[in-house]
Amino acid sequence: MAYWLFKSEPSTWSWDDQKARGGAGEEWDGVRNYQARNFMREMKLGDRGFFYHSMKEKSVVGIVEVCAESHPDSTTDDPRWECVDIKAVRDFEVPVTLEQIKAERGLADMVLVKNSRLSVQPVTEAEWLRICEMGQTRPD
């Protein structure tokens, strides 16, 4: 299993919006960055990800699961853009802020710390476990 982070502005698509989609999940559409698209092409069914609220909140608020592998993005006719579908798994017991992540020496090399603008990014297993621990949330 691989781990990922999906960033969204809560005013555009929030964690509550994601949870409301239930088990059907939702396309992670509208991504127009080649690196983020390529990461989605690598994703497999069952991979897990952090749902991260960007902008004002800047925090990990939930866990999602990839429920459909890479396919054409329905929001464009341009065949270059693909996306995956994700579904909510669980809330974080305690949201983990970007400030807290940056303060953790063991997370200094995390993509979120080094390239905070990338909307879809990989997370190592060690980063996954540490952030789940910080958020008092089961990692499984």
N, C-alpha and C. Protein backbone atom coordinates (compact mmCIF):
# COMPACT_ATOMS: atom_id res chain seq x y z
N MET A 1 0.84 -1.18 0.00
CA MET A 1 0.00 0.00 0.00
C MET A 1 0.88 1.24 0.00
N ALA A 2 0.46 2.22 -0.76
CA ALA A 2 1.16 3.51 -0.79
C ALA A 2 0.31 4.54 -0.07
N TYR A 3 0.95 5.64 0.31
CA TYR A 3 0.28 6.71 1.04
C TYR A 3 0.46 8.02 0.30
N TRP A 4 -0.57 8.88 0.44
CA TRP A 4 -0.63 10.11 -0.32
C TRP A 4 -1.20 11.23 0.53
N LEU A 5 -1.16 12.43 -0.01
CA LEU A 5 -1.82 13.58 0.61
C LEU A 5 -2.57 14.32 -0.49
N PHE A 6 -3.85 14.63 -0.22
CA PHE A 6 -4.71 15.36 -1.13
C PHE A 6 -5.07 16.68 -0.49
N LYS A 7 -4.74 17.77 -1.17
CA LYS A 7 -5.00 19.11 -0.62
C LYS A 7 -6.22 19.73 -1.28
N SER A 8 -7.04 20.39 -0.46
CA SER A 8 -8.20 21.09 -0.99
C SER A 8 -8.51 22.31 -0.14
N GLU A 9 -8.93 23.36 -0.80
CA GLU A 9 -9.41 24.54 -0.08
C GLU A 9 -10.80 24.21 0.45
N PRO A 10 -11.02 24.34 1.75
CA PRO A 10 -12.33 23.97 2.31
C PRO A 10 -13.50 24.71 1.67
N SER A 11 -13.28 25.92 1.18
CA SER A 11 -14.37 26.66 0.55
C SER A 11 -14.73 26.08 -0.82
N THR A 12 -13.82 25.30 -1.41
CA THR A 12 -14.07 24.67 -2.70
C THR A 12 -14.58 23.24 -2.53
N TRP A 13 -13.87 22.44 -1.73
CA TRP A 13 -14.26 21.05 -1.45
C TRP A 13 -13.71 20.71 -0.08
N SER A 14 -14.59 20.57 0.90
CA SER A 14 -14.17 20.37 2.29
C SER A 14 -14.21 18.89 2.68
N TRP A 15 -13.66 18.62 3.83
CA TRP A 15 -13.72 17.28 4.39
C TRP A 15 -15.18 16.86 4.58
N ASP A 16 -16.03 17.77 5.03
CA ASP A 16 -17.45 17.44 5.18
C ASP A 16 -18.08 17.10 3.83
N ASP A 17 -17.69 17.82 2.76
CA ASP A 17 -18.17 17.49 1.42
C ASP A 17 -17.74 16.07 1.04
N GLN A 18 -16.47 15.76 1.33
CA GLN A 18 -15.95 14.44 0.99
C GLN A 18 -16.70 13.35 1.74
N LYS A 19 -16.92 13.54 3.03
CA LYS A 19 -17.64 12.54 3.83
C LYS A 19 -19.06 12.35 3.34
N ALA A 20 -19.68 13.43 2.86
CA ALA A 20 -21.06 13.35 2.40
C ALA A 20 -21.21 12.46 1.16
N ARG A 21 -20.13 12.22 0.43
CA ARG A 21 -20.17 11.36 -0.76
C ARG A 21 -20.25 9.89 -0.40
N GLY A 22 -19.97 9.56 0.86
CA GLY A 22 -20.10 8.18 1.32
C GLY A 22 -19.15 7.22 0.62
N GLY A 23 -19.57 5.96 0.54
CA GLY A 23 -18.74 4.91 -0.03
C GLY A 23 -18.51 5.03 -1.52
N ALA A 24 -19.35 5.80 -2.20
CA ALA A 24 -19.18 6.00 -3.64
C ALA A 24 -17.95 6.84 -3.94
N GLY A 25 -17.59 7.68 -3.00
CA GLY A 25 -16.42 8.54 -3.20
C GLY A 25 -16.69 9.64 -4.20
N GLU A 26 -15.61 10.28 -4.62
CA GLU A 26 -15.69 11.42 -5.51
C GLU A 26 -14.43 11.50 -6.34
N GLU A 27 -14.56 11.94 -7.58
CA GLU A 27 -13.39 12.19 -8.42
C GLU A 27 -12.55 13.29 -7.80
N TRP A 28 -11.25 13.09 -7.80
CA TRP A 28 -10.33 14.16 -7.37
C TRP A 28 -9.96 14.92 -8.63
N ASP A 29 -10.93 15.67 -9.13
CA ASP A 29 -10.82 16.30 -10.45
C ASP A 29 -10.23 17.71 -10.39
N GLY A 30 -9.98 18.24 -11.57
CA GLY A 30 -9.51 19.62 -11.68
C GLY A 30 -8.03 19.82 -11.47
N VAL A 31 -7.29 18.75 -11.26
CA VAL A 31 -5.83 18.88 -11.07
C VAL A 31 -5.18 19.15 -12.42
N ARG A 32 -4.45 20.25 -12.50
CA ARG A 32 -3.82 20.64 -13.76
C ARG A 32 -2.32 20.85 -13.56
N ASN A 33 -1.72 19.92 -12.87
CA ASN A 33 -0.29 19.92 -12.63
C ASN A 33 0.21 18.54 -13.03
N TYR A 34 1.21 18.49 -13.92
CA TYR A 34 1.68 17.20 -14.43
C TYR A 34 2.23 16.29 -13.33
N GLN A 35 2.96 16.85 -12.38
CA GLN A 35 3.54 16.03 -11.33
C GLN A 35 2.42 15.41 -10.47
N ALA A 36 1.43 16.21 -10.10
CA ALA A 36 0.30 15.69 -9.32
C ALA A 36 -0.47 14.63 -10.12
N ARG A 37 -0.70 14.90 -11.41
CA ARG A 37 -1.37 13.92 -12.26
C ARG A 37 -0.59 12.61 -12.31
N ASN A 38 0.72 12.71 -12.45
CA ASN A 38 1.54 11.50 -12.50
C ASN A 38 1.48 10.72 -11.20
N PHE A 39 1.41 11.41 -10.08
CA PHE A 39 1.25 10.70 -8.81
C PHE A 39 -0.08 9.93 -8.81
N MET A 40 -1.14 10.55 -9.32
CA MET A 40 -2.44 9.86 -9.36
C MET A 40 -2.38 8.64 -10.27
N ARG A 41 -1.59 8.71 -11.32
CA ARG A 41 -1.44 7.55 -12.21
C ARG A 41 -0.79 6.37 -11.49
N GLU A 42 0.00 6.64 -10.45
CA GLU A 42 0.67 5.58 -9.68
C GLU A 42 -0.25 4.93 -8.65
N MET A 43 -1.34 5.56 -8.30
CA MET A 43 -2.19 5.10 -7.21
C MET A 43 -2.92 3.81 -7.56
N LYS A 44 -3.09 3.00 -6.53
CA LYS A 44 -3.78 1.71 -6.66
C LYS A 44 -4.99 1.69 -5.73
N LEU A 45 -5.97 0.85 -6.07
CA LEU A 45 -7.13 0.67 -5.19
C LEU A 45 -6.67 0.33 -3.78
N GLY A 46 -7.25 0.98 -2.80
CA GLY A 46 -6.92 0.71 -1.41
C GLY A 46 -5.80 1.56 -0.85
N ASP A 47 -5.05 2.26 -1.71
CA ASP A 47 -4.05 3.20 -1.17
C ASP A 47 -4.77 4.20 -0.27
N ARG A 48 -4.07 4.66 0.74
CA ARG A 48 -4.65 5.61 1.69
C ARG A 48 -4.02 6.98 1.51
N GLY A 49 -4.76 7.98 1.95
CA GLY A 49 -4.25 9.35 1.84
C GLY A 49 -4.77 10.23 2.95
N PHE A 50 -4.02 11.28 3.20
CA PHE A 50 -4.47 12.32 4.12
C PHE A 50 -5.33 13.29 3.33
N PHE A 51 -6.41 13.77 3.93
CA PHE A 51 -7.20 14.86 3.38
C PHE A 51 -6.75 16.11 4.12
N TYR A 52 -6.21 17.05 3.36
CA TYR A 52 -5.57 18.23 3.94
C TYR A 52 -6.33 19.49 3.53
N HIS A 53 -6.77 20.25 4.52
CA HIS A 53 -7.39 21.55 4.25
C HIS A 53 -6.29 22.59 4.09
N SER A 54 -6.25 23.21 2.92
CA SER A 54 -5.24 24.25 2.67
C SER A 54 -5.82 25.62 3.03
N MET A 55 -5.11 26.64 2.65
CA MET A 55 -5.46 28.04 2.88
C MET A 55 -5.41 28.38 4.37
N LYS A 56 -6.51 28.75 4.98
CA LYS A 56 -6.48 29.23 6.37
C LYS A 56 -6.20 28.12 7.38
N GLU A 57 -6.85 26.96 7.22
CA GLU A 57 -6.72 25.89 8.21
C GLU A 57 -5.35 25.22 8.19
N LYS A 58 -4.86 24.90 7.01
CA LYS A 58 -3.58 24.22 6.82
C LYS A 58 -3.40 23.07 7.81
N SER A 59 -4.26 22.05 7.65
CA SER A 59 -4.16 20.90 8.55
C SER A 59 -4.71 19.64 7.92
N VAL A 60 -4.15 18.51 8.38
CA VAL A 60 -4.66 17.19 8.01
C VAL A 60 -5.90 16.96 8.87
N VAL A 61 -7.03 16.68 8.20
CA VAL A 61 -8.29 16.55 8.93
C VAL A 61 -8.95 15.18 8.79
N GLY A 62 -8.45 14.34 7.86
CA GLY A 62 -9.07 13.04 7.67
C GLY A 62 -8.23 12.10 6.84
N ILE A 63 -8.71 10.87 6.76
CA ILE A 63 -8.08 9.81 5.96
C ILE A 63 -9.04 9.40 4.87
N VAL A 64 -8.50 9.27 3.65
CA VAL A 64 -9.27 8.82 2.49
C VAL A 64 -8.64 7.56 1.92
N GLU A 65 -9.40 6.92 1.05
CA GLU A 65 -8.92 5.71 0.36
C GLU A 65 -9.20 5.85 -1.13
N VAL A 66 -8.25 5.41 -1.94
CA VAL A 66 -8.45 5.41 -3.39
C VAL A 66 -9.47 4.31 -3.72
N CYS A 67 -10.59 4.73 -4.35
CA CYS A 67 -11.64 3.75 -4.67
C CYS A 67 -11.83 3.58 -6.18
N ALA A 68 -11.09 4.33 -6.98
CA ALA A 68 -11.04 4.12 -8.43
C ALA A 68 -9.69 4.61 -8.92
N GLU A 69 -9.02 3.77 -9.68
CA GLU A 69 -7.70 4.14 -10.19
C GLU A 69 -7.81 5.19 -11.29
N SER A 70 -6.69 5.67 -11.74
CA SER A 70 -6.61 6.77 -12.70
C SER A 70 -7.50 6.56 -13.92
N HIS A 71 -8.24 7.61 -14.25
CA HIS A 71 -9.16 7.60 -15.40
C HIS A 71 -9.29 9.03 -15.91
N PRO A 72 -9.86 9.24 -17.09
CA PRO A 72 -10.00 10.61 -17.60
C PRO A 72 -10.78 11.51 -16.64
N ASP A 73 -10.31 12.72 -16.47
CA ASP A 73 -10.97 13.71 -15.62
C ASP A 73 -12.23 14.19 -16.34
N SER A 74 -13.37 14.03 -15.71
CA SER A 74 -14.65 14.37 -16.35
C SER A 74 -14.88 15.87 -16.50
N THR A 75 -14.02 16.69 -15.90
CA THR A 75 -14.21 18.14 -15.98
C THR A 75 -13.52 18.77 -17.18
N THR A 76 -12.91 17.94 -18.04
CA THR A 76 -12.25 18.48 -19.23
C THR A 76 -12.30 17.47 -20.36
N ASP A 77 -12.22 17.99 -21.57
CA ASP A 77 -12.12 17.11 -22.75
C ASP A 77 -10.67 16.89 -23.15
N ASP A 78 -9.76 17.51 -22.45
CA ASP A 78 -8.33 17.39 -22.73
C ASP A 78 -7.84 16.04 -22.21
N PRO A 79 -7.40 15.14 -23.09
CA PRO A 79 -7.02 13.79 -22.67
C PRO A 79 -5.76 13.73 -21.80
N ARG A 80 -5.05 14.83 -21.64
CA ARG A 80 -3.84 14.82 -20.79
C ARG A 80 -4.18 14.69 -19.31
N TRP A 81 -5.41 15.06 -18.92
CA TRP A 81 -5.72 15.15 -17.50
C TRP A 81 -6.53 13.96 -17.02
N GLU A 82 -6.02 13.34 -15.97
CA GLU A 82 -6.63 12.17 -15.36
C GLU A 82 -6.78 12.41 -13.87
N CYS A 83 -7.56 11.56 -13.25
CA CYS A 83 -7.75 11.68 -11.80
C CYS A 83 -8.10 10.31 -11.23
N VAL A 84 -8.14 10.24 -9.93
CA VAL A 84 -8.59 9.05 -9.22
C VAL A 84 -9.87 9.43 -8.47
N ASP A 85 -10.56 8.44 -7.94
CA ASP A 85 -11.69 8.69 -7.04
C ASP A 85 -11.22 8.32 -5.64
N ILE A 86 -11.67 9.11 -4.67
CA ILE A 86 -11.34 8.81 -3.27
C ILE A 86 -12.61 8.83 -2.43
N LYS A 87 -12.58 8.06 -1.34
CA LYS A 87 -13.70 8.06 -0.40
C LYS A 87 -13.16 8.30 1.01
N ALA A 88 -13.98 8.91 1.84
CA ALA A 88 -13.60 9.18 3.22
C ALA A 88 -13.55 7.88 4.01
N VAL A 89 -12.54 7.76 4.87
CA VAL A 89 -12.41 6.60 5.74
C VAL A 89 -12.71 6.99 7.19
N ARG A 90 -12.03 8.02 7.68
CA ARG A 90 -12.26 8.46 9.06
C ARG A 90 -11.74 9.87 9.27
N ASP A 91 -12.34 10.53 10.24
CA ASP A 91 -11.88 11.84 10.69
C ASP A 91 -10.58 11.69 11.48
N PHE A 92 -9.77 12.71 11.47
CA PHE A 92 -8.66 12.77 12.41
C PHE A 92 -9.26 13.15 13.76
N GLU A 93 -8.83 12.47 14.81
CA GLU A 93 -9.31 12.80 16.16
C GLU A 93 -8.91 14.23 16.51
N VAL A 94 -7.68 14.57 16.17
CA VAL A 94 -7.15 15.91 16.40
C VAL A 94 -6.49 16.35 15.10
N PRO A 95 -6.98 17.42 14.45
CA PRO A 95 -6.31 17.86 13.23
C PRO A 95 -4.83 18.16 13.48
N VAL A 96 -4.00 17.85 12.50
CA VAL A 96 -2.56 18.10 12.61
C VAL A 96 -2.22 19.24 11.65
N THR A 97 -1.74 20.32 12.23
CA THR A 97 -1.48 21.53 11.44
C THR A 97 -0.14 21.46 10.73
N LEU A 98 -0.03 22.27 9.68
CA LEU A 98 1.24 22.39 8.96
C LEU A 98 2.33 22.88 9.91
N GLU A 99 1.99 23.77 10.80
CA GLU A 99 2.96 24.27 11.78
C GLU A 99 3.50 23.12 12.64
N GLN A 100 2.63 22.22 13.08
CA GLN A 100 3.06 21.08 13.88
C GLN A 100 3.94 20.15 13.05
N ILE A 101 3.56 19.93 11.79
CA ILE A 101 4.34 19.06 10.91
C ILE A 101 5.73 19.65 10.71
N LYS A 102 5.81 20.94 10.46
CA LYS A 102 7.11 21.60 10.26
C LYS A 102 7.97 21.56 11.51
N ALA A 103 7.36 21.49 12.68
CA ALA A 103 8.10 21.47 13.94
C ALA A 103 8.68 20.09 14.26
N GLU A 104 8.20 19.06 13.57
CA GLU A 104 8.67 17.69 13.80
C GLU A 104 9.93 17.43 12.98
N ARG A 105 11.03 17.22 13.65
CA ARG A 105 12.30 17.00 12.95
C ARG A 105 12.23 15.82 11.99
N GLY A 106 11.52 14.77 12.37
CA GLY A 106 11.40 13.58 11.53
C GLY A 106 10.56 13.79 10.27
N LEU A 107 9.88 14.92 10.18
CA LEU A 107 9.04 15.20 9.01
C LEU A 107 9.63 16.30 8.13
N ALA A 108 10.86 16.68 8.39
CA ALA A 108 11.50 17.79 7.67
C ALA A 108 11.62 17.56 6.17
N ASP A 109 11.70 16.29 5.75
CA ASP A 109 11.86 16.00 4.33
C ASP A 109 10.52 15.71 3.64
N MET A 110 9.43 15.84 4.34
CA MET A 110 8.11 15.58 3.77
C MET A 110 7.84 16.55 2.62
N VAL A 111 7.23 16.04 1.55
CA VAL A 111 6.91 16.88 0.39
C VAL A 111 6.09 18.09 0.82
N LEU A 112 5.15 17.91 1.73
CA LEU A 112 4.32 19.01 2.21
C LEU A 112 5.16 20.15 2.78
N VAL A 113 6.26 19.82 3.40
CA VAL A 113 7.15 20.83 3.99
C VAL A 113 8.00 21.49 2.91
N LYS A 114 8.46 20.71 1.96
CA LYS A 114 9.37 21.22 0.94
C LYS A 114 8.67 21.82 -0.29
N ASN A 115 7.45 21.35 -0.59
CA ASN A 115 6.73 21.83 -1.77
C ASN A 115 5.24 21.92 -1.41
N SER A 116 4.91 22.89 -0.58
CA SER A 116 3.56 22.97 -0.03
C SER A 116 2.50 23.31 -1.07
N ARG A 117 2.90 23.70 -2.29
CA ARG A 117 1.91 24.07 -3.31
C ARG A 117 1.37 22.87 -4.09
N LEU A 118 2.05 21.75 -4.06
CA LEU A 118 1.63 20.57 -4.82
C LEU A 118 0.35 19.98 -4.23
N SER A 119 -0.69 19.83 -5.05
CA SER A 119 -2.01 19.45 -4.55
C SER A 119 -2.18 17.96 -4.28
N VAL A 120 -1.38 17.13 -4.91
CA VAL A 120 -1.39 15.68 -4.68
C VAL A 120 0.06 15.27 -4.54
N GLN A 121 0.38 14.58 -3.45
CA GLN A 121 1.78 14.28 -3.20
C GLN A 121 1.93 12.98 -2.42
N PRO A 122 3.09 12.33 -2.57
CA PRO A 122 3.33 11.09 -1.83
C PRO A 122 3.68 11.36 -0.38
N VAL A 123 3.42 10.36 0.44
CA VAL A 123 3.73 10.38 1.87
C VAL A 123 4.43 9.06 2.17
N THR A 124 5.54 9.08 2.86
CA THR A 124 6.22 7.83 3.21
C THR A 124 5.46 7.13 4.34
N GLU A 125 5.73 5.85 4.50
CA GLU A 125 5.07 5.11 5.58
C GLU A 125 5.42 5.71 6.94
N ALA A 126 6.68 6.08 7.15
CA ALA A 126 7.09 6.68 8.42
C ALA A 126 6.34 7.99 8.67
N GLU A 127 6.20 8.82 7.63
CA GLU A 127 5.46 10.08 7.76
C GLU A 127 3.99 9.80 8.08
N TRP A 128 3.43 8.81 7.39
CA TRP A 128 2.04 8.41 7.62
C TRP A 128 1.81 8.04 9.08
N LEU A 129 2.67 7.16 9.58
CA LEU A 129 2.51 6.68 10.96
C LEU A 129 2.68 7.81 11.97
N ARG A 130 3.66 8.68 11.75
CA ARG A 130 3.91 9.78 12.70
C ARG A 130 2.76 10.79 12.71
N ILE A 131 2.25 11.15 11.55
CA ILE A 131 1.15 12.13 11.51
C ILE A 131 -0.12 11.52 12.09
N CYS A 132 -0.39 10.25 11.84
CA CYS A 132 -1.53 9.59 12.47
C CYS A 132 -1.38 9.61 14.00
N GLU A 133 -0.16 9.34 14.46
CA GLU A 133 0.10 9.37 15.91
C GLU A 133 -0.15 10.79 16.46
N MET A 134 0.35 11.78 15.77
CA MET A 134 0.15 13.17 16.21
C MET A 134 -1.33 13.54 16.25
N GLY A 135 -2.10 12.97 15.33
CA GLY A 135 -3.54 13.25 15.27
C GLY A 135 -4.38 12.30 16.08
N GLN A 136 -3.72 11.43 16.86
CA GLN A 136 -4.40 10.46 17.72
C GLN A 136 -5.42 9.64 16.93
N THR A 137 -5.01 9.23 15.72
CA THR A 137 -5.90 8.55 14.79
C THR A 137 -5.28 7.23 14.33
N ARG A 138 -6.09 6.19 14.26
CA ARG A 138 -5.61 4.88 13.80
C ARG A 138 -5.09 5.01 12.37
N PRO A 139 -3.92 4.43 12.09
CA PRO A 139 -3.35 4.53 10.75
C PRO A 139 -3.92 3.53 9.75
N ASP A 140 -4.62 2.48 10.23
CA ASP A 140 -5.11 1.41 9.34
C ASP A 140 -6.42 1.75 8.68
